[in-house]
N, C-alpha and C. Protein backbone atom coordinates (compact mmCIF):
# COMPACT_ATOMS: atom_id res chain seq x y z
N MET A 1 123.64 85.28 91.05
CA MET A 1 122.50 85.97 91.58
C MET A 1 122.50 85.81 93.10
N ASN A 2 122.11 86.86 93.79
CA ASN A 2 122.09 86.87 95.23
C ASN A 2 121.01 85.93 95.76
N PRO A 3 121.30 85.14 96.81
CA PRO A 3 120.28 84.24 97.36
C PRO A 3 119.02 84.95 97.85
N ARG A 4 119.16 86.20 98.23
CA ARG A 4 117.97 86.96 98.68
C ARG A 4 116.95 87.09 97.57
N TRP A 5 117.43 87.21 96.33
CA TRP A 5 116.49 87.32 95.20
C TRP A 5 115.69 86.04 95.04
N PHE A 6 116.34 84.90 95.26
CA PHE A 6 115.62 83.63 95.17
C PHE A 6 114.56 83.53 96.25
N LEU A 7 114.87 83.99 97.45
CA LEU A 7 113.88 83.99 98.52
C LEU A 7 112.71 84.91 98.18
N ARG A 8 113.02 86.06 97.64
CA ARG A 8 111.96 87.00 97.26
C ARG A 8 111.09 86.43 96.14
N MET A 9 111.72 85.78 95.15
CA MET A 9 110.95 85.18 94.06
C MET A 9 110.05 84.06 94.56
N SER A 10 110.56 83.25 95.51
CA SER A 10 109.72 82.17 96.04
C SER A 10 108.55 82.73 96.84
N ARG A 11 108.78 83.82 97.56
CA ARG A 11 107.69 84.44 98.32
C ARG A 11 106.64 85.00 97.37
N TRP A 12 107.06 85.63 96.28
CA TRP A 12 106.11 86.16 95.29
C TRP A 12 105.35 85.05 94.60
N ALA A 13 106.00 83.89 94.40
CA ALA A 13 105.32 82.76 93.76
C ALA A 13 104.24 82.20 94.68
N ARG A 14 104.50 82.19 95.97
CA ARG A 14 103.51 81.69 96.92
C ARG A 14 102.39 82.69 97.19
N ASN A 15 102.74 83.97 97.28
CA ASN A 15 101.77 85.03 97.57
C ASN A 15 101.93 86.15 96.55
N PRO A 16 101.34 85.99 95.37
CA PRO A 16 101.50 87.02 94.35
C PRO A 16 100.81 88.33 94.76
N PRO A 17 101.28 89.45 94.24
CA PRO A 17 100.67 90.74 94.60
C PRO A 17 99.23 90.80 94.09
N SER A 18 98.45 91.65 94.74
CA SER A 18 97.04 91.77 94.35
C SER A 18 96.92 92.47 93.00
N GLU A 19 95.76 92.33 92.40
CA GLU A 19 95.51 92.95 91.09
C GLU A 19 95.60 94.47 91.19
N LYS A 20 95.13 95.02 92.30
CA LYS A 20 95.19 96.47 92.51
C LYS A 20 96.63 96.96 92.54
N ARG A 21 97.49 96.20 93.21
CA ARG A 21 98.89 96.59 93.30
C ARG A 21 99.59 96.51 91.95
N VAL A 22 99.26 95.50 91.16
CA VAL A 22 99.85 95.35 89.83
C VAL A 22 99.40 96.51 88.94
N LYS A 23 98.12 96.88 89.00
CA LYS A 23 97.61 98.01 88.21
C LYS A 23 98.30 99.30 88.62
N ARG A 24 98.48 99.50 89.92
CA ARG A 24 99.15 100.71 90.41
C ARG A 24 100.58 100.77 89.89
N PHE A 25 101.26 99.64 89.86
CA PHE A 25 102.63 99.60 89.35
C PHE A 25 102.67 100.03 87.89
N PHE A 26 101.74 99.49 87.08
CA PHE A 26 101.75 99.83 85.66
C PHE A 26 101.36 101.28 85.42
N VAL A 27 100.50 101.85 86.27
CA VAL A 27 100.16 103.27 86.14
C VAL A 27 101.38 104.13 86.42
N VAL A 28 102.10 103.81 87.49
CA VAL A 28 103.31 104.57 87.83
C VAL A 28 104.37 104.41 86.75
N LEU A 29 104.54 103.20 86.24
CA LEU A 29 105.49 102.97 85.15
C LEU A 29 105.10 103.76 83.91
N GLY A 30 103.81 103.81 83.59
CA GLY A 30 103.34 104.58 82.44
C GLY A 30 103.61 106.06 82.60
N LEU A 31 103.38 106.59 83.82
CA LEU A 31 103.66 108.01 84.06
C LEU A 31 105.15 108.32 83.91
N CYS A 32 105.98 107.42 84.39
CA CYS A 32 107.43 107.62 84.25
C CYS A 32 107.84 107.61 82.78
N LEU A 33 107.29 106.69 82.01
CA LEU A 33 107.62 106.63 80.59
C LEU A 33 107.07 107.86 79.85
N LEU A 34 105.92 108.35 80.26
CA LEU A 34 105.36 109.56 79.66
C LEU A 34 106.27 110.75 79.92
N LEU A 35 106.73 110.89 81.16
CA LEU A 35 107.66 111.98 81.47
C LEU A 35 108.97 111.85 80.70
N LEU A 36 109.45 110.65 80.55
CA LEU A 36 110.67 110.42 79.77
C LEU A 36 110.46 110.82 78.31
N GLY A 37 109.31 110.44 77.75
CA GLY A 37 109.01 110.80 76.36
C GLY A 37 108.91 112.30 76.16
N ILE A 38 108.25 112.97 77.10
CA ILE A 38 108.14 114.44 77.01
C ILE A 38 109.52 115.07 77.07
N GLU A 39 110.36 114.58 77.98
CA GLU A 39 111.70 115.14 78.11
C GLU A 39 112.52 114.90 76.85
N ARG A 40 112.40 113.74 76.25
CA ARG A 40 113.20 113.42 75.06
C ARG A 40 112.75 114.19 73.82
N PHE A 41 111.43 114.25 73.59
CA PHE A 41 110.94 114.80 72.33
C PHE A 41 110.63 116.29 72.39
N ILE A 42 110.19 116.78 73.52
CA ILE A 42 109.86 118.21 73.63
C ILE A 42 111.02 118.98 74.23
N GLY A 43 111.69 118.38 75.19
CA GLY A 43 112.84 119.02 75.82
C GLY A 43 112.55 119.34 77.27
N TRP A 44 113.61 119.63 77.98
CA TRP A 44 113.51 119.96 79.39
C TRP A 44 113.41 121.48 79.52
N PRO A 45 112.47 121.99 80.35
CA PRO A 45 112.35 123.44 80.48
C PRO A 45 113.59 124.06 81.13
N GLU A 46 113.90 125.24 80.68
CA GLU A 46 115.09 125.93 81.19
C GLU A 46 114.97 126.24 82.68
N TRP A 47 113.75 126.54 83.14
CA TRP A 47 113.58 126.90 84.56
C TRP A 47 113.78 125.70 85.47
N ALA A 48 113.72 124.48 84.95
CA ALA A 48 113.89 123.29 85.77
C ALA A 48 115.33 122.77 85.75
N THR A 49 116.21 123.45 85.03
CA THR A 49 117.60 123.02 84.94
C THR A 49 118.38 123.62 86.13
N VAL A 50 119.18 122.79 86.77
CA VAL A 50 119.96 123.23 87.91
C VAL A 50 121.16 124.01 87.40
N GLN A 51 121.37 125.17 87.99
CA GLN A 51 122.53 126.01 87.66
C GLN A 51 123.61 125.79 88.70
N ARG A 52 124.82 125.62 88.26
CA ARG A 52 125.94 125.43 89.18
C ARG A 52 126.43 126.81 89.63
N ILE A 53 126.52 127.00 90.93
CA ILE A 53 127.03 128.26 91.48
C ILE A 53 128.49 128.08 91.79
N ARG A 54 129.31 128.92 91.17
CA ARG A 54 130.75 128.82 91.39
C ARG A 54 131.18 129.85 92.44
N PRO A 55 131.96 129.39 93.42
CA PRO A 55 132.39 130.33 94.50
C PRO A 55 133.42 131.32 94.03
């Protein structure tokens, strides 16, 4: 493991993130998982698919 990660973990242990920041993280994570679920079970719309242009 990189020593920078240990420094970051020690800083988080001394100064943990605020409750508001933790809630925001879980909201963003939930939205990402929701989008992933929609993409997996319903499918990706055809209009949002990138078309490759061949020269």
